[in-house]
Amino acid sequence: MTYEVKYESRPTFFCARITGANSADAVSGYLADILEECQRRDCYRVLIDEQLDGPRLEIDDVYAVASEGAMKALGVFHAIAFVDEKMGEMAYFAETVAVNRGMPVRAFPTTGHAEAWLAGLVEGPDEQNIFDSE
């Protein structure tokens, strides 16, 4: 694989920063790595900070990766905040695809916004409010 994932712990979640070359295989690979890391840490709230180099994925690749990734991790994650400042509006398309498959994910323009959202979530039944728009 042509990517690297670095993890940083936070009080109620962890951050996964991904660097390397952008490709559908790299994104699918790091998503699988993050799923394993969540299970290892017993922590199911994650901030994905994607900083991959190269051209952005085409819409059909984004759809396929988001759809497949969501189905593989269905029921595992409690909250996912996703940031890729280069991805632009395509990040919100990926969010829609994943949410439509039951993933608790939100796309954010910056890591600061994503961290604030994750830090503000409350454990318990109100956690499903992540699907509400702000």
N, C-alpha and C. Protein backbone atom coordinates (compact mmCIF):
# COMPACT_ATOMS: atom_id res chain seq x y z
N MET A 1 0.84 -1.18 0.00
CA MET A 1 0.00 0.00 0.00
C MET A 1 0.88 1.25 0.00
N THR A 2 0.35 2.31 -0.53
CA THR A 2 1.12 3.54 -0.64
C THR A 2 0.59 4.63 0.29
N TYR A 3 0.29 4.24 1.52
CA TYR A 3 -0.20 5.19 2.51
C TYR A 3 0.37 4.84 3.87
N GLU A 4 0.29 5.80 4.79
CA GLU A 4 0.71 5.59 6.16
C GLU A 4 -0.35 6.18 7.08
N VAL A 5 -0.66 5.47 8.16
CA VAL A 5 -1.65 5.95 9.13
C VAL A 5 -0.94 6.17 10.46
N LYS A 6 -1.11 7.36 11.02
CA LYS A 6 -0.58 7.68 12.35
C LYS A 6 -1.76 7.95 13.26
N TYR A 7 -1.73 7.34 14.44
CA TYR A 7 -2.83 7.46 15.39
C TYR A 7 -2.45 8.36 16.56
N GLU A 8 -3.40 9.16 17.00
CA GLU A 8 -3.24 10.00 18.18
C GLU A 8 -4.48 9.84 19.06
N SER A 9 -4.27 9.61 20.34
CA SER A 9 -5.39 9.43 21.27
C SER A 9 -5.92 10.78 21.75
N ARG A 10 -7.22 10.82 21.94
CA ARG A 10 -7.92 11.94 22.56
C ARG A 10 -8.76 11.34 23.69
N PRO A 11 -9.31 12.17 24.57
CA PRO A 11 -10.07 11.61 25.70
C PRO A 11 -11.24 10.71 25.31
N THR A 12 -12.00 11.05 24.26
CA THR A 12 -13.19 10.27 23.93
C THR A 12 -13.17 9.68 22.52
N PHE A 13 -12.07 9.87 21.80
CA PHE A 13 -11.93 9.35 20.44
C PHE A 13 -10.46 9.27 20.09
N PHE A 14 -10.15 8.78 18.92
CA PHE A 14 -8.77 8.87 18.45
C PHE A 14 -8.76 9.42 17.03
N CYS A 15 -7.61 9.97 16.68
CA CYS A 15 -7.43 10.59 15.37
C CYS A 15 -6.53 9.69 14.52
N ALA A 16 -6.92 9.49 13.27
CA ALA A 16 -6.12 8.74 12.30
C ALA A 16 -5.74 9.71 11.19
N ARG A 17 -4.44 10.03 11.08
CA ARG A 17 -3.96 10.91 10.01
C ARG A 17 -3.33 10.05 8.93
N ILE A 18 -3.84 10.22 7.72
CA ILE A 18 -3.41 9.38 6.61
C ILE A 18 -2.65 10.22 5.60
N THR A 19 -1.45 9.75 5.26
CA THR A 19 -0.64 10.40 4.24
C THR A 19 -0.24 9.36 3.21
N GLY A 20 0.17 9.84 2.03
CA GLY A 20 0.60 8.95 0.97
C GLY A 20 -0.06 9.31 -0.34
N ALA A 21 -0.08 8.35 -1.25
CA ALA A 21 -0.65 8.56 -2.58
C ALA A 21 -2.13 8.24 -2.59
N ASN A 22 -2.90 9.08 -3.23
CA ASN A 22 -4.35 8.90 -3.28
C ASN A 22 -4.73 7.85 -4.33
N SER A 23 -5.51 6.89 -3.91
CA SER A 23 -6.08 5.89 -4.82
C SER A 23 -7.23 5.21 -4.10
N ALA A 24 -8.10 4.58 -4.86
CA ALA A 24 -9.21 3.85 -4.25
C ALA A 24 -8.68 2.72 -3.36
N ASP A 25 -7.62 2.05 -3.80
CA ASP A 25 -7.02 0.98 -2.99
C ASP A 25 -6.46 1.51 -1.68
N ALA A 26 -5.82 2.68 -1.72
CA ALA A 26 -5.28 3.26 -0.49
C ALA A 26 -6.39 3.60 0.49
N VAL A 27 -7.47 4.21 0.00
CA VAL A 27 -8.58 4.58 0.88
C VAL A 27 -9.23 3.33 1.47
N SER A 28 -9.48 2.33 0.65
CA SER A 28 -10.05 1.08 1.16
C SER A 28 -9.12 0.44 2.18
N GLY A 29 -7.83 0.49 1.92
CA GLY A 29 -6.85 -0.09 2.84
C GLY A 29 -6.80 0.62 4.18
N TYR A 30 -6.76 1.95 4.15
CA TYR A 30 -6.67 2.64 5.44
C TYR A 30 -7.98 2.52 6.22
N LEU A 31 -9.11 2.44 5.53
CA LEU A 31 -10.38 2.22 6.25
C LEU A 31 -10.38 0.88 6.98
N ALA A 32 -9.85 -0.16 6.35
CA ALA A 32 -9.73 -1.47 7.00
C ALA A 32 -8.77 -1.39 8.18
N ASP A 33 -7.67 -0.66 8.02
CA ASP A 33 -6.70 -0.50 9.12
C ASP A 33 -7.34 0.21 10.31
N ILE A 34 -8.13 1.25 10.04
CA ILE A 34 -8.79 2.00 11.11
C ILE A 34 -9.81 1.12 11.83
N LEU A 35 -10.53 0.32 11.11
CA LEU A 35 -11.48 -0.61 11.72
C LEU A 35 -10.76 -1.54 12.69
N GLU A 36 -9.63 -2.10 12.27
CA GLU A 36 -8.84 -2.96 13.16
C GLU A 36 -8.34 -2.20 14.38
N GLU A 37 -7.89 -0.96 14.17
CA GLU A 37 -7.38 -0.16 15.28
C GLU A 37 -8.50 0.15 16.29
N CYS A 38 -9.70 0.43 15.79
CA CYS A 38 -10.84 0.66 16.69
C CYS A 38 -11.09 -0.57 17.56
N GLN A 39 -11.06 -1.73 16.95
CA GLN A 39 -11.30 -2.96 17.71
C GLN A 39 -10.16 -3.21 18.70
N ARG A 40 -8.94 -2.93 18.31
CA ARG A 40 -7.79 -3.11 19.21
C ARG A 40 -7.89 -2.18 20.41
N ARG A 41 -8.28 -0.94 20.17
CA ARG A 41 -8.38 0.07 21.23
C ARG A 41 -9.70 0.00 22.00
N ASP A 42 -10.67 -0.72 21.47
CA ASP A 42 -12.03 -0.72 22.00
C ASP A 42 -12.56 0.72 22.07
N CYS A 43 -12.33 1.44 20.98
CA CYS A 43 -12.75 2.83 20.84
C CYS A 43 -13.38 2.98 19.47
N TYR A 44 -14.63 3.39 19.41
CA TYR A 44 -15.37 3.37 18.16
C TYR A 44 -15.81 4.76 17.68
N ARG A 45 -15.06 5.76 18.15
CA ARG A 45 -15.21 7.14 17.68
C ARG A 45 -13.86 7.55 17.09
N VAL A 46 -13.88 8.00 15.86
CA VAL A 46 -12.61 8.30 15.20
C VAL A 46 -12.72 9.54 14.32
N LEU A 47 -11.64 10.28 14.29
CA LEU A 47 -11.50 11.39 13.36
C LEU A 47 -10.54 10.92 12.28
N ILE A 48 -11.00 10.88 11.05
CA ILE A 48 -10.16 10.51 9.91
C ILE A 48 -9.71 11.80 9.23
N ASP A 49 -8.41 12.06 9.30
CA ASP A 49 -7.81 13.25 8.69
C ASP A 49 -7.03 12.78 7.46
N GLU A 50 -7.68 12.80 6.32
CA GLU A 50 -7.07 12.30 5.09
C GLU A 50 -6.26 13.40 4.42
N GLN A 51 -4.96 13.12 4.24
CA GLN A 51 -4.04 14.07 3.62
C GLN A 51 -3.28 13.39 2.50
N LEU A 52 -4.01 12.74 1.61
CA LEU A 52 -3.39 12.01 0.51
C LEU A 52 -3.03 12.94 -0.64
N ASP A 53 -1.94 12.62 -1.33
CA ASP A 53 -1.45 13.41 -2.45
C ASP A 53 -1.93 12.83 -3.77
N GLY A 54 -2.07 13.71 -4.75
CA GLY A 54 -2.44 13.27 -6.08
C GLY A 54 -3.86 13.68 -6.41
N PRO A 55 -4.28 13.33 -7.62
CA PRO A 55 -5.62 13.72 -8.05
C PRO A 55 -6.70 13.09 -7.18
N ARG A 56 -7.79 13.82 -7.01
CA ARG A 56 -8.93 13.32 -6.25
C ARG A 56 -9.56 12.15 -6.99
N LEU A 57 -10.20 11.28 -6.24
CA LEU A 57 -10.88 10.14 -6.85
C LEU A 57 -12.07 10.60 -7.67
N GLU A 58 -12.38 9.84 -8.69
CA GLU A 58 -13.56 10.11 -9.51
C GLU A 58 -14.81 9.72 -8.71
N ILE A 59 -15.95 10.25 -9.10
CA ILE A 59 -17.19 10.04 -8.36
C ILE A 59 -17.55 8.56 -8.24
N ASP A 60 -17.32 7.77 -9.28
CA ASP A 60 -17.66 6.34 -9.19
C ASP A 60 -16.76 5.61 -8.20
N ASP A 61 -15.48 6.03 -8.09
CA ASP A 61 -14.59 5.44 -7.09
C ASP A 61 -15.00 5.84 -5.68
N VAL A 62 -15.38 7.10 -5.50
CA VAL A 62 -15.83 7.57 -4.19
C VAL A 62 -17.07 6.79 -3.76
N TYR A 63 -18.00 6.64 -4.68
CA TYR A 63 -19.22 5.87 -4.38
C TYR A 63 -18.87 4.44 -3.98
N ALA A 64 -18.03 3.78 -4.75
CA ALA A 64 -17.68 2.38 -4.49
C ALA A 64 -16.97 2.23 -3.15
N VAL A 65 -15.99 3.09 -2.87
CA VAL A 65 -15.23 2.99 -1.61
C VAL A 65 -16.12 3.29 -0.41
N ALA A 66 -16.93 4.34 -0.50
CA ALA A 66 -17.81 4.70 0.63
C ALA A 66 -18.84 3.61 0.87
N SER A 67 -19.42 3.09 -0.19
CA SER A 67 -20.44 2.05 -0.07
C SER A 67 -19.85 0.77 0.51
N GLU A 68 -18.76 0.32 -0.07
CA GLU A 68 -18.12 -0.92 0.39
C GLU A 68 -17.59 -0.78 1.82
N GLY A 69 -16.95 0.35 2.11
CA GLY A 69 -16.42 0.57 3.46
C GLY A 69 -17.52 0.59 4.50
N ALA A 70 -18.64 1.22 4.18
CA ALA A 70 -19.76 1.28 5.12
C ALA A 70 -20.33 -0.11 5.38
N MET A 71 -20.46 -0.89 4.35
CA MET A 71 -21.03 -2.23 4.52
C MET A 71 -20.11 -3.14 5.34
N LYS A 72 -18.80 -2.99 5.18
CA LYS A 72 -17.85 -3.83 5.93
C LYS A 72 -17.84 -3.48 7.42
N ALA A 73 -18.15 -2.23 7.74
CA ALA A 73 -18.06 -1.77 9.13
C ALA A 73 -19.42 -1.48 9.76
N LEU A 74 -20.47 -1.94 9.14
CA LEU A 74 -21.81 -1.66 9.60
C LEU A 74 -22.00 -2.10 11.06
N GLY A 75 -22.47 -1.20 11.89
CA GLY A 75 -22.74 -1.50 13.28
C GLY A 75 -21.54 -1.43 14.20
N VAL A 76 -20.36 -1.10 13.68
CA VAL A 76 -19.15 -1.09 14.50
C VAL A 76 -18.88 0.30 15.09
N PHE A 77 -18.90 1.32 14.27
CA PHE A 77 -18.52 2.66 14.71
C PHE A 77 -19.67 3.37 15.41
N HIS A 78 -19.31 4.21 16.39
CA HIS A 78 -20.28 5.05 17.06
C HIS A 78 -20.33 6.43 16.41
N ALA A 79 -19.17 6.92 15.95
CA ALA A 79 -19.11 8.22 15.28
C ALA A 79 -17.81 8.32 14.50
N ILE A 80 -17.92 8.83 13.28
CA ILE A 80 -16.75 9.06 12.44
C ILE A 80 -16.83 10.49 11.93
N ALA A 81 -15.77 11.25 12.18
CA ALA A 81 -15.63 12.58 11.60
C ALA A 81 -14.58 12.47 10.51
N PHE A 82 -14.90 12.94 9.32
CA PHE A 82 -14.01 12.81 8.18
C PHE A 82 -13.60 14.19 7.68
N VAL A 83 -12.28 14.37 7.48
CA VAL A 83 -11.76 15.64 6.97
C VAL A 83 -10.79 15.34 5.82
N ASP A 84 -11.03 15.99 4.70
CA ASP A 84 -10.08 16.01 3.58
C ASP A 84 -10.27 17.36 2.91
N GLU A 85 -9.42 18.30 3.27
CA GLU A 85 -9.58 19.67 2.80
C GLU A 85 -9.48 19.78 1.28
N LYS A 86 -8.82 18.84 0.63
CA LYS A 86 -8.66 18.87 -0.83
C LYS A 86 -9.88 18.28 -1.55
N MET A 87 -10.67 17.50 -0.85
CA MET A 87 -11.76 16.77 -1.47
C MET A 87 -12.96 17.66 -1.80
N GLY A 88 -13.12 18.74 -1.07
CA GLY A 88 -14.21 19.66 -1.34
C GLY A 88 -15.57 19.03 -1.17
N GLU A 89 -16.49 19.36 -2.06
CA GLU A 89 -17.87 18.88 -1.99
C GLU A 89 -17.97 17.36 -2.13
N MET A 90 -16.98 16.72 -2.72
CA MET A 90 -17.01 15.27 -2.88
C MET A 90 -17.03 14.57 -1.51
N ALA A 91 -16.48 15.22 -0.47
CA ALA A 91 -16.52 14.65 0.88
C ALA A 91 -17.96 14.51 1.36
N TYR A 92 -18.80 15.46 1.01
CA TYR A 92 -20.20 15.40 1.43
C TYR A 92 -20.97 14.35 0.64
N PHE A 93 -20.55 14.10 -0.59
CA PHE A 93 -21.13 13.01 -1.37
C PHE A 93 -20.78 11.67 -0.71
N ALA A 94 -19.50 11.49 -0.32
CA ALA A 94 -19.08 10.26 0.36
C ALA A 94 -19.85 10.09 1.67
N GLU A 95 -20.04 11.19 2.40
CA GLU A 95 -20.82 11.15 3.65
C GLU A 95 -22.23 10.64 3.38
N THR A 96 -22.87 11.18 2.36
CA THR A 96 -24.24 10.77 2.03
C THR A 96 -24.32 9.29 1.70
N VAL A 97 -23.38 8.82 0.90
CA VAL A 97 -23.36 7.40 0.53
C VAL A 97 -23.23 6.53 1.78
N ALA A 98 -22.30 6.88 2.67
CA ALA A 98 -22.07 6.09 3.88
C ALA A 98 -23.25 6.17 4.85
N VAL A 99 -23.80 7.37 5.05
CA VAL A 99 -24.95 7.54 5.95
C VAL A 99 -26.14 6.74 5.44
N ASN A 100 -26.34 6.74 4.14
CA ASN A 100 -27.45 5.97 3.57
C ASN A 100 -27.30 4.47 3.78
N ARG A 101 -26.12 4.04 4.16
CA ARG A 101 -25.87 2.63 4.46
C ARG A 101 -25.72 2.39 5.96
N GLY A 102 -26.10 3.39 6.76
CA GLY A 102 -26.15 3.21 8.21
C GLY A 102 -24.90 3.60 8.97
N MET A 103 -23.95 4.27 8.33
CA MET A 103 -22.73 4.66 9.02
C MET A 103 -22.91 6.02 9.71
N PRO A 104 -22.47 6.14 10.95
CA PRO A 104 -22.57 7.40 11.68
C PRO A 104 -21.38 8.31 11.35
N VAL A 105 -21.39 8.90 10.18
CA VAL A 105 -20.25 9.68 9.69
C VAL A 105 -20.70 11.09 9.30
N ARG A 106 -19.79 12.04 9.52
CA ARG A 106 -20.01 13.42 9.07
C ARG A 106 -18.71 13.93 8.47
N ALA A 107 -18.82 14.67 7.39
CA ALA A 107 -17.67 15.31 6.76
C ALA A 107 -17.55 16.74 7.30
N PHE A 108 -16.31 17.18 7.50
CA PHE A 108 -16.04 18.51 8.02
C PHE A 108 -14.97 19.19 7.17
N PRO A 109 -15.01 20.53 7.11
CA PRO A 109 -14.03 21.25 6.31
C PRO A 109 -12.64 21.32 6.97
N THR A 110 -12.59 21.22 8.31
CA THR A 110 -11.31 21.31 9.03
C THR A 110 -11.29 20.31 10.19
N THR A 111 -10.08 19.99 10.64
CA THR A 111 -9.96 19.09 11.79
C THR A 111 -10.48 19.75 13.06
N GLY A 112 -10.36 21.07 13.17
CA GLY A 112 -10.89 21.77 14.34
C GLY A 112 -12.39 21.58 14.49
N HIS A 113 -13.13 21.70 13.39
CA HIS A 113 -14.58 21.47 13.42
C HIS A 113 -14.89 20.02 13.78
N ALA A 114 -14.14 19.10 13.21
CA ALA A 114 -14.36 17.67 13.46
C ALA A 114 -14.08 17.32 14.92
N GLU A 115 -12.97 17.83 15.46
CA GLU A 115 -12.63 17.56 16.85
C GLU A 115 -13.69 18.12 17.80
N ALA A 116 -14.16 19.33 17.53
CA ALA A 116 -15.18 19.93 18.39
C ALA A 116 -16.46 19.09 18.38
N TRP A 117 -16.85 18.62 17.21
CA TRP A 117 -18.06 17.79 17.09
C TRP A 117 -17.89 16.49 17.88
N LEU A 118 -16.78 15.79 17.68
CA LEU A 118 -16.55 14.53 18.39
C LEU A 118 -16.46 14.73 19.89
N ALA A 119 -15.79 15.79 20.32
CA ALA A 119 -15.64 16.05 21.76
C ALA A 119 -16.98 16.38 22.40
N GLY A 120 -17.92 16.91 21.63
CA GLY A 120 -19.22 17.29 22.17
C GLY A 120 -20.25 16.19 22.20
N LEU A 121 -19.96 15.04 21.60
CA LEU A 121 -20.93 13.94 21.59
C LEU A 121 -21.06 13.35 22.99
N VAL A 122 -22.26 12.90 23.30
CA VAL A 122 -22.55 12.31 24.60
C VAL A 122 -22.83 10.83 24.39
N GLU A 123 -22.29 9.99 25.27
CA GLU A 123 -22.57 8.55 25.21
C GLU A 123 -24.03 8.30 25.51
N GLY A 124 -24.57 7.28 24.92
CA GLY A 124 -25.93 6.88 25.25
C GLY A 124 -26.90 7.08 24.11
N PRO A 125 -28.19 7.06 24.41
CA PRO A 125 -29.22 7.09 23.37
C PRO A 125 -29.21 8.34 22.52
N ASP A 126 -28.76 9.48 23.05
CA ASP A 126 -28.73 10.70 22.26
C ASP A 126 -27.64 10.70 21.21
N GLU A 127 -26.78 9.66 21.23
CA GLU A 127 -25.67 9.61 20.30
C GLU A 127 -26.16 9.61 18.85
N GLN A 128 -27.34 9.13 18.58
CA GLN A 128 -27.84 9.09 17.20
C GLN A 128 -28.13 10.48 16.65
N ASN A 129 -28.06 11.51 17.47
CA ASN A 129 -28.23 12.87 16.96
C ASN A 129 -27.14 13.27 15.99
N ILE A 130 -26.14 12.43 15.81
CA ILE A 130 -25.09 12.74 14.85
C ILE A 130 -25.64 12.85 13.44
N PHE A 131 -26.82 12.29 13.21
CA PHE A 131 -27.41 12.38 11.88
C PHE A 131 -28.14 13.70 11.66
N ASP A 132 -28.31 14.47 12.71
CA ASP A 132 -28.96 15.77 12.57
C ASP A 132 -27.96 16.76 11.99
N SER A 133 -28.44 17.68 11.18
CA SER A 133 -27.55 18.71 10.64
C SER A 133 -27.42 19.84 11.67
N GLU A 134 -26.27 20.50 11.61
CA GLU A 134 -26.05 21.62 12.53
C GLU A 134 -26.46 22.91 11.89
